[in-house]
Amino acid sequence: MIVTGFPSGENPSHGIFNKNAADLLSSGVDLVVIQLRVWKPGRRVYSEIKNSRYKHFVLSAPYVPLLTKGLLCSPLKFYRKAGKKNLSNMFGKIDLFHSVGASFAGVLGAMWSKDFDKKHVLQIIGSDVNSELPRFKDLSCFKSLNTNVNAIGCNSNALKNSYQKLMGELSEMEVIYRGIDVNKFSYSFDNFSDGFVNILFLGGIPDYKYINLARNLKGGYTLMKAWEIIENEANKNKCRLIFAGPDSDTDEVYKWHSGLKYKENVVIKGRLTPDEVLSEYDKAHIVVVPSLEEGMPNVALEAGSKGKCVIASDVGGVPELIEDNVNGLLVPPGDENALAQKLKEVFLDRDRVITVGMNLRKKIEKNFNSEKFASGYVNLYKKVL
């Protein structure tokens, strides 16, 4: 299993979904995880992390910003050689490669599958197809995706359709939802114990200096503008907005916060640990996912499993999860007026907040339980082999 993100001591949230997937898969297969990291002074090119559930190797290469399109093939070649040098014996014994992400890890998986004459299963998750693959698919190193992929698992029907439009159809393409652990993210609702409606946003304003559109991919700007529209009514009806997660405590967010009339109603939390994320879900009543693009948003699954009212952009695989006004609310992406209206609708009707959240929890229990993830991929492995 080839991944580009995995939790570490300094960043326990990074790649947490890859770790969850590895834990699930290791119950059904003899798993080896190959983690790709950025090299920096003091970090070895090749190392092994002790793990009782599966073997875990780390390969490191010099950082090349994704904005530098012409240089992207260079670190891929480095990883390819490093893997062949340090892991050849192990690669010779495995049955197949499973790469997570259709851009970087996917291309490397395609390269290694060719080098060692192994099957290759590509797992499509979201940003790889929506943002990266359209920009990089014509690079020479990406051509391996056309010839060295035997099967594809997609995190939503929307991603499956997007990949087909970009790269063409493959005979083995299945939708296998990554899903959510409904036991870990159990139903939790505090029934407005302090009198406030708590609205949670786990996103921010990433510092992409050269691509302005990318800075609003998670919808931070859209939400800030929507809050300005409803600020007076939100204050009147005791609503609180929690701005949390990566890039939620940037200078730009604080500058916006300083201009608000009711600053006390917006709480900026910054980056959270996994345990802190669970705590924020427990306290929240409404969770906003105003992204401009998505595959199948993990935040919506986590919040919905907790029984929260989710307001999300009508993009990607979101409509596969949320039926508007039944188990959540949908808004056009980037439309601050529509988002403001939906927020107003639900914070004025607290019973509705509870009802749609319960409906979403029921759907997730039935169709998006992560227990189905491992069996779905094991069956796909068997088909390929």
Protein backbone atom coordinates (compact mmCIF):
# COMPACT_ATOMS: atom_id res chain seq x y z
CA MET A 1 0.00 0.00 0.00
CA ILE A 2 1.70 3.20 -1.21
CA VAL A 3 0.67 6.42 0.56
CA THR A 4 1.87 10.03 0.61
CA GLY A 5 0.48 10.90 4.02
CA PHE A 6 0.61 9.06 7.34
CA PRO A 7 0.41 10.25 10.97
CA SER A 8 3.63 11.11 12.75
CA GLY A 9 4.62 12.32 16.18
CA GLU A 10 4.86 15.93 15.02
CA ASN A 11 1.64 15.76 13.00
CA PRO A 12 -0.75 13.07 14.34
CA SER A 13 -3.61 14.12 12.04
CA HIS A 14 -1.70 13.99 8.74
CA GLY A 15 -2.88 11.09 6.61
CA ILE A 16 -5.05 9.69 9.40
CA PHE A 17 -7.42 8.19 6.82
CA ASN A 18 -4.57 6.27 5.23
CA LYS A 19 -3.73 4.82 8.64
CA ASN A 20 -7.37 3.90 9.21
CA ALA A 21 -7.46 2.19 5.82
CA ALA A 22 -4.22 0.32 6.58
CA ASP A 23 -5.61 -0.87 9.91
CA LEU A 24 -8.75 -2.15 8.19
CA LEU A 25 -6.90 -3.85 5.33
CA SER A 26 -4.40 -5.52 7.64
CA SER A 27 -7.24 -7.58 9.09
CA GLY A 28 -7.73 -9.30 5.74
CA VAL A 29 -4.32 -9.28 4.00
CA ASP A 30 -0.62 -9.44 4.82
CA LEU A 31 -0.01 -5.71 4.40
CA VAL A 32 3.10 -3.65 3.75
CA VAL A 33 2.81 0.17 3.91
CA ILE A 34 5.25 2.29 1.91
CA GLN A 35 5.08 5.90 3.02
CA LEU A 36 6.51 8.65 0.82
CA ARG A 37 7.94 11.60 2.76
CA VAL A 38 9.77 14.79 1.96
CA TRP A 39 13.50 14.54 2.63
CA LYS A 40 15.09 17.03 4.98
CA PRO A 41 18.46 17.16 6.78
CA GLY A 42 18.63 14.41 9.38
CA ARG A 43 15.94 12.27 7.73
CA ARG A 44 17.10 9.05 6.09
CA VAL A 45 16.19 8.18 2.51
CA TYR A 46 15.06 4.74 3.67
CA SER A 47 13.86 3.62 7.10
CA GLU A 48 11.47 1.20 8.78
CA ILE A 49 8.88 2.04 11.44
CA LYS A 50 8.07 -0.74 13.86
CA ASN A 51 4.41 -1.70 13.77
CA SER A 52 2.78 -4.82 15.16
CA ARG A 53 -0.02 -4.93 12.57
CA TYR A 54 1.92 -4.56 9.30
CA LYS A 55 5.34 -3.71 7.92
CA HIS A 56 5.87 0.04 7.49
CA PHE A 57 8.69 1.46 5.36
CA VAL A 58 9.46 5.13 4.67
CA LEU A 59 11.12 6.52 1.54
CA SER A 60 12.16 10.20 1.45
CA ALA A 61 12.93 12.40 -1.56
CA PRO A 62 13.67 16.14 -2.00
CA TYR A 63 10.59 18.36 -2.03
CA VAL A 64 9.34 19.70 -5.35
CA PRO A 65 6.28 21.99 -5.09
CA LEU A 66 3.32 20.74 -7.09
CA LEU A 67 3.27 24.15 -8.73
CA THR A 68 6.58 23.25 -10.40
CA LYS A 69 5.02 21.05 -13.05
CA GLY A 70 8.14 20.53 -15.13
CA LEU A 71 10.12 19.09 -12.20
CA LEU A 72 7.47 16.72 -10.83
CA CYS A 73 8.89 13.64 -12.57
CA SER A 74 12.27 14.05 -10.85
CA PRO A 75 11.25 13.01 -7.31
CA LEU A 76 9.16 10.20 -8.77
CA LYS A 77 12.28 8.83 -10.46
CA PHE A 78 14.14 9.17 -7.16
CA TYR A 79 11.45 7.25 -5.25
CA ARG A 80 11.41 4.61 -7.99
CA LYS A 81 15.15 3.99 -7.68
CA ALA A 82 15.11 4.14 -3.87
CA GLY A 83 12.36 1.55 -3.74
CA LYS A 84 14.15 -0.76 -6.18
CA LYS A 85 17.39 -0.43 -4.22
CA ASN A 86 16.02 -0.95 -0.71
CA LEU A 87 12.87 -3.01 -1.17
CA SER A 88 13.53 -5.26 -4.19
CA ASN A 89 13.42 -8.49 -2.18
CA MET A 90 10.12 -7.58 -0.59
CA PHE A 91 8.65 -6.32 -3.89
CA GLY A 92 9.52 -9.64 -5.49
CA LYS A 93 7.36 -11.50 -2.95
CA ILE A 94 4.22 -9.36 -2.92
CA ASP A 95 1.10 -10.08 -5.01
CA LEU A 96 0.16 -6.52 -5.96
CA PHE A 97 0.60 -2.82 -5.34
CA HIS A 98 -2.26 -0.74 -3.92
CA SER A 99 -1.59 2.99 -4.40
CA VAL A 100 -3.67 5.69 -2.70
CA GLY A 101 -4.14 8.72 -4.96
CA ALA A 102 -4.16 8.93 -8.73
CA SER A 103 -1.31 11.43 -8.98
CA PHE A 104 1.91 10.89 -7.02
CA ALA A 105 1.43 7.52 -5.30
CA GLY A 106 -0.54 6.20 -8.25
CA VAL A 107 2.19 6.97 -10.76
CA LEU A 108 4.83 5.40 -8.52
CA GLY A 109 2.68 2.31 -8.05
CA ALA A 110 2.33 2.04 -11.82
CA MET A 111 6.11 2.33 -12.23
CA TRP A 112 6.90 -0.34 -9.63
CA SER A 113 4.20 -2.66 -10.97
CA LYS A 114 5.94 -2.53 -14.34
CA ASP A 115 9.42 -2.97 -12.84
CA PHE A 116 8.44 -6.07 -10.85
CA ASP A 117 5.71 -7.44 -13.12
CA LYS A 118 3.00 -7.13 -10.46
CA LYS A 119 -0.66 -6.19 -10.56
CA HIS A 120 -1.64 -2.65 -9.54
CA VAL A 121 -4.84 -1.44 -7.87
CA LEU A 122 -5.33 2.33 -7.83
CA GLN A 123 -7.47 3.93 -5.10
CA ILE A 124 -8.96 7.30 -6.08
CA ILE A 125 -9.76 9.62 -3.20
CA GLY A 126 -10.54 13.18 -4.38
CA SER A 127 -8.04 16.01 -4.80
CA ASP A 128 -5.90 13.80 -7.01
CA VAL A 129 -8.59 13.66 -9.69
CA ASN A 130 -10.18 17.05 -9.09
CA SER A 131 -7.03 19.18 -8.91
CA GLU A 132 -3.79 17.37 -9.68
CA LEU A 133 -4.45 14.86 -12.45
CA PRO A 134 -5.96 17.42 -14.88
CA ARG A 135 -2.72 19.45 -14.61
CA PHE A 136 -0.20 16.62 -14.70
CA LYS A 137 -1.69 13.79 -16.76
CA ASP A 138 0.24 14.82 -19.90
CA LEU A 139 3.64 14.60 -18.19
CA SER A 140 5.80 11.74 -19.47
CA CYS A 141 5.97 10.02 -16.08
CA PHE A 142 2.16 9.99 -15.80
CA LYS A 143 1.80 7.92 -18.97
CA SER A 144 2.28 4.79 -16.84
CA LEU A 145 -1.25 5.30 -15.50
CA ASN A 146 -2.53 4.38 -18.95
CA THR A 147 -0.72 1.04 -19.09
CA ASN A 148 0.05 -0.17 -15.58
CA VAL A 149 -3.25 0.01 -13.71
CA ASN A 150 -5.28 -3.20 -13.50
CA ALA A 151 -8.20 -2.03 -11.37
CA ILE A 152 -9.50 1.14 -9.75
CA GLY A 153 -11.44 1.67 -6.54
CA CYS A 154 -13.24 5.01 -6.26
CA ASN A 155 -14.40 6.83 -3.15
CA SER A 156 -17.57 7.97 -4.96
CA ASN A 157 -19.44 7.60 -8.24
CA ALA A 158 -18.56 11.20 -9.01
CA LEU A 159 -14.84 10.41 -8.81
CA LYS A 160 -15.31 7.37 -11.01
CA ASN A 161 -16.98 9.50 -13.68
CA SER A 162 -14.30 12.21 -13.42
CA TYR A 163 -11.47 9.71 -13.82
CA GLN A 164 -13.12 8.12 -16.85
CA LYS A 165 -13.44 11.52 -18.53
CA LEU A 166 -9.77 12.28 -17.89
CA MET A 167 -8.12 8.93 -18.49
CA GLY A 168 -10.67 6.69 -20.21
CA GLU A 169 -12.54 3.63 -18.96
CA LEU A 170 -11.02 0.57 -17.34
CA SER A 171 -12.82 -2.77 -17.21
CA GLU A 172 -12.38 -3.07 -13.45
CA MET A 173 -13.64 0.14 -11.83
CA GLU A 174 -15.65 -0.13 -8.64
CA VAL A 175 -17.04 2.36 -6.14
CA ILE A 176 -15.75 1.36 -2.71
CA TYR A 177 -16.56 4.02 -0.14
CA ARG A 178 -13.79 4.61 2.38
CA GLY A 179 -16.62 5.11 4.86
CA ILE A 180 -16.43 5.89 8.54
CA ASP A 181 -16.04 3.97 11.80
CA VAL A 182 -19.57 4.39 13.17
CA ASN A 183 -18.49 3.06 16.57
CA LYS A 184 -15.68 5.55 17.00
CA PHE A 185 -17.86 8.35 15.61
CA SER A 186 -20.92 7.40 17.64
CA TYR A 187 -24.10 9.44 17.87
CA SER A 188 -23.66 12.41 20.18
CA PHE A 189 -25.93 15.41 20.70
CA ASP A 190 -25.88 17.75 23.71
CA ASN A 191 -29.35 19.25 23.06
CA PHE A 192 -28.13 22.89 23.17
CA SER A 193 -27.07 22.59 26.81
CA ASP A 194 -25.60 26.10 27.07
CA GLY A 195 -28.34 27.72 25.00
CA PHE A 196 -26.12 28.25 21.95
CA VAL A 197 -26.22 26.67 18.51
CA ASN A 198 -22.62 25.66 17.76
CA ILE A 199 -21.60 25.72 14.08
CA LEU A 200 -18.32 23.96 13.27
CA PHE A 201 -16.05 24.49 10.26
CA LEU A 202 -12.96 22.27 9.95
CA GLY A 203 -11.03 24.07 7.27
CA GLY A 204 -9.30 27.36 6.64
CA ILE A 205 -7.42 29.51 4.15
CA PRO A 206 -4.34 27.61 2.88
CA ASP A 207 -1.37 29.76 1.93
CA TYR A 208 -1.25 29.02 -1.80
CA LYS A 209 0.44 32.22 -2.94
CA TYR A 210 0.21 31.57 -6.67
CA ILE A 211 -3.22 29.97 -7.03
CA ASN A 212 -5.91 32.16 -5.53
CA LEU A 213 -8.69 29.72 -6.36
CA ALA A 214 -6.99 26.96 -4.33
CA ARG A 215 -7.15 29.14 -1.23
CA ASN A 216 -10.93 28.75 -1.16
CA LEU A 217 -11.06 25.05 -2.04
CA LYS A 218 -12.42 24.22 1.41
CA GLY A 219 -14.82 27.16 1.24
CA GLY A 220 -13.30 29.30 3.98
CA TYR A 221 -13.88 32.57 2.14
CA THR A 222 -17.42 31.54 1.26
CA LEU A 223 -18.24 30.80 4.89
CA MET A 224 -16.69 34.06 6.12
CA LYS A 225 -18.80 36.07 3.68
CA ALA A 226 -21.93 34.10 4.63
CA TRP A 227 -21.30 34.78 8.32
CA GLU A 228 -21.02 38.50 7.66
CA ILE A 229 -24.47 38.37 6.02
CA ILE A 230 -26.13 36.69 9.02
CA GLU A 231 -23.98 38.04 11.83
CA ASN A 232 -26.70 40.18 13.43
CA GLU A 233 -29.28 37.37 13.32
CA ALA A 234 -26.75 34.82 14.53
CA ASN A 235 -26.02 37.00 17.55
CA LYS A 236 -29.71 37.53 18.23
CA ASN A 237 -30.37 33.78 18.12
CA LYS A 238 -27.30 32.74 20.13
CA CYS A 239 -25.20 31.12 17.41
CA ARG A 240 -21.50 30.46 17.71
CA LEU A 241 -19.09 29.68 14.85
CA ILE A 242 -16.02 27.54 15.57
CA PHE A 243 -13.27 27.97 12.97
CA ALA A 244 -10.89 25.02 13.40
CA GLY A 245 -8.47 22.71 11.64
CA PRO A 246 -5.38 23.29 9.46
CA ASP A 247 -4.99 26.89 8.21
CA SER A 248 -7.90 28.11 10.33
CA ASP A 249 -5.71 30.41 12.43
CA THR A 250 -3.82 32.26 9.70
CA ASP A 251 -3.25 36.03 9.72
CA GLU A 252 -5.97 36.37 7.11
CA VAL A 253 -8.54 34.66 9.32
CA TYR A 254 -7.60 36.81 12.31
CA LYS A 255 -7.82 39.95 10.17
CA TRP A 256 -11.35 38.96 9.13
CA HIS A 257 -12.24 38.19 12.74
CA SER A 258 -11.05 41.61 13.91
CA GLY A 259 -13.57 43.29 11.62
CA LEU A 260 -16.62 41.44 12.95
CA LYS A 261 -19.23 43.22 15.01
CA TYR A 262 -19.71 40.33 17.43
CA LYS A 263 -16.22 38.87 17.70
CA GLU A 264 -17.12 36.79 20.74
CA ASN A 265 -19.40 34.62 18.60
CA VAL A 266 -16.53 33.32 16.44
CA VAL A 267 -13.94 31.09 18.09
CA ILE A 268 -10.68 30.37 16.23
CA LYS A 269 -9.20 27.04 17.33
CA GLY A 270 -6.40 26.32 14.86
CA ARG A 271 -5.00 22.84 14.19
CA LEU A 272 -6.54 20.05 16.28
CA THR A 273 -5.40 16.61 17.35
CA PRO A 274 -7.69 13.67 16.45
CA ASP A 275 -9.01 13.59 20.03
CA GLU A 276 -9.71 17.32 19.91
CA VAL A 277 -11.60 16.88 16.62
CA LEU A 278 -13.85 14.31 18.32
CA SER A 279 -14.44 16.75 21.18
CA GLU A 280 -15.42 19.54 18.77
CA TYR A 281 -17.86 17.24 16.98
CA ASP A 282 -19.45 16.37 20.33
CA LYS A 283 -20.04 20.05 21.10
CA ALA A 284 -21.23 21.00 17.60
CA HIS A 285 -24.83 21.00 16.32
CA ILE A 286 -24.22 22.07 12.72
CA VAL A 287 -21.14 21.26 10.64
CA VAL A 288 -20.43 23.24 7.46
CA VAL A 289 -18.58 21.72 4.47
CA PRO A 290 -18.62 24.56 1.88
CA SER A 291 -15.90 23.12 -0.40
CA LEU A 292 -15.57 24.03 -4.06
CA GLU A 293 -14.67 20.42 -4.92
CA GLU A 294 -14.83 17.08 -3.13
CA GLY A 295 -14.65 13.35 -3.74
CA MET A 296 -16.46 12.15 -0.63
CA PRO A 297 -15.70 14.54 2.25
CA ASN A 298 -14.50 12.85 5.42
CA VAL A 299 -15.74 15.73 7.56
CA ALA A 300 -19.29 15.18 6.33
CA LEU A 301 -19.06 11.46 7.11
CA GLU A 302 -17.60 12.04 10.57
CA ALA A 303 -20.09 14.78 11.46
CA GLY A 304 -23.01 12.80 10.04
CA SER A 305 -22.01 9.70 11.96
CA LYS A 306 -22.09 11.87 15.08
CA GLY A 307 -25.64 12.90 14.18
CA LYS A 308 -24.84 16.51 13.30
CA CYS A 309 -26.75 18.63 10.80
CA VAL A 310 -24.43 18.92 7.79
CA ILE A 311 -24.64 21.83 5.35
CA ALA A 312 -22.43 21.04 2.36
CA SER A 313 -21.70 22.20 -1.18
CA ASP A 314 -23.46 20.26 -3.92
CA VAL A 315 -20.22 18.96 -5.47
CA GLY A 316 -18.55 15.66 -6.26
CA GLY A 317 -19.83 12.73 -4.24
CA VAL A 318 -21.65 14.86 -1.65
CA PRO A 319 -25.13 14.23 -3.19
CA GLU A 320 -24.45 10.48 -2.85
CA LEU A 321 -24.37 11.06 0.90
CA ILE A 322 -26.77 13.97 1.47
CA GLU A 323 -30.30 14.35 0.18
CA ASP A 324 -31.23 18.02 0.45
CA ASN A 325 -33.64 18.83 3.30
CA VAL A 326 -33.90 15.14 4.25
CA ASN A 327 -30.61 14.20 5.92
CA GLY A 328 -28.73 17.45 5.41
CA LEU A 329 -28.70 20.62 3.33
CA LEU A 330 -26.99 21.31 0.00
CA VAL A 331 -25.85 24.66 -1.38
CA PRO A 332 -24.22 25.68 -4.69
CA PRO A 333 -20.42 25.86 -4.25
CA GLY A 334 -19.06 29.35 -3.68
CA ASP A 335 -22.50 30.90 -3.11
CA GLU A 336 -22.29 32.82 0.17
CA ASN A 337 -25.89 34.02 -0.06
CA ALA A 338 -27.25 30.49 -0.40
CA LEU A 339 -25.04 29.31 2.47
CA ALA A 340 -26.17 32.21 4.64
CA GLN A 341 -29.82 31.36 3.92
CA LYS A 342 -29.36 27.67 4.80
CA LEU A 343 -27.53 28.53 8.02
CA LYS A 344 -30.32 30.89 8.98
CA GLU A 345 -32.99 28.28 8.21
CA VAL A 346 -31.53 25.69 10.55
CA PHE A 347 -30.44 27.85 13.46
CA LEU A 348 -34.00 29.22 13.56
CA ASP A 349 -35.39 25.66 13.72
CA ARG A 350 -33.48 23.64 16.29
CA ASP A 351 -35.78 20.63 16.01
CA ARG A 352 -34.85 20.40 12.33
CA VAL A 353 -31.17 20.37 13.26
CA ILE A 354 -31.77 17.25 15.34
CA THR A 355 -33.97 15.49 12.77
CA VAL A 356 -31.72 15.82 9.73
CA GLY A 357 -28.71 14.79 11.81
CA MET A 358 -30.42 11.61 12.96
CA ASN A 359 -31.43 10.83 9.37
CA LEU A 360 -27.84 11.21 8.18
CA ARG A 361 -26.54 8.95 10.96
CA LYS A 362 -28.98 6.22 9.85
CA LYS A 363 -27.85 6.43 6.21
CA ILE A 364 -24.19 6.27 7.16
CA GLU A 365 -24.77 3.24 9.37
CA LYS A 366 -26.42 1.46 6.43
CA ASN A 367 -24.32 2.52 3.43
CA PHE A 368 -21.06 4.15 4.60
CA ASN A 369 -19.81 1.94 7.42
CA SER A 370 -16.04 1.56 7.03
CA GLU A 371 -16.29 -2.15 7.85
CA LYS A 372 -17.24 -2.65 4.20
CA PHE A 373 -14.05 -0.97 2.97
CA ALA A 374 -11.60 -3.84 3.59
CA SER A 375 -13.85 -6.56 2.15
CA GLY A 376 -14.48 -4.40 -0.93
CA TYR A 377 -10.77 -4.06 -1.68
CA VAL A 378 -9.92 -7.68 -0.84
CA ASN A 379 -12.58 -8.77 -3.38
CA LEU A 380 -11.08 -6.38 -5.92
CA TYR A 381 -7.60 -7.82 -5.27
CA LYS A 382 -8.96 -11.32 -5.92
CA LYS A 383 -10.53 -10.24 -9.22
CA VAL A 384 -7.24 -8.71 -10.38
CA LEU A 385 -5.18 -11.74 -9.37
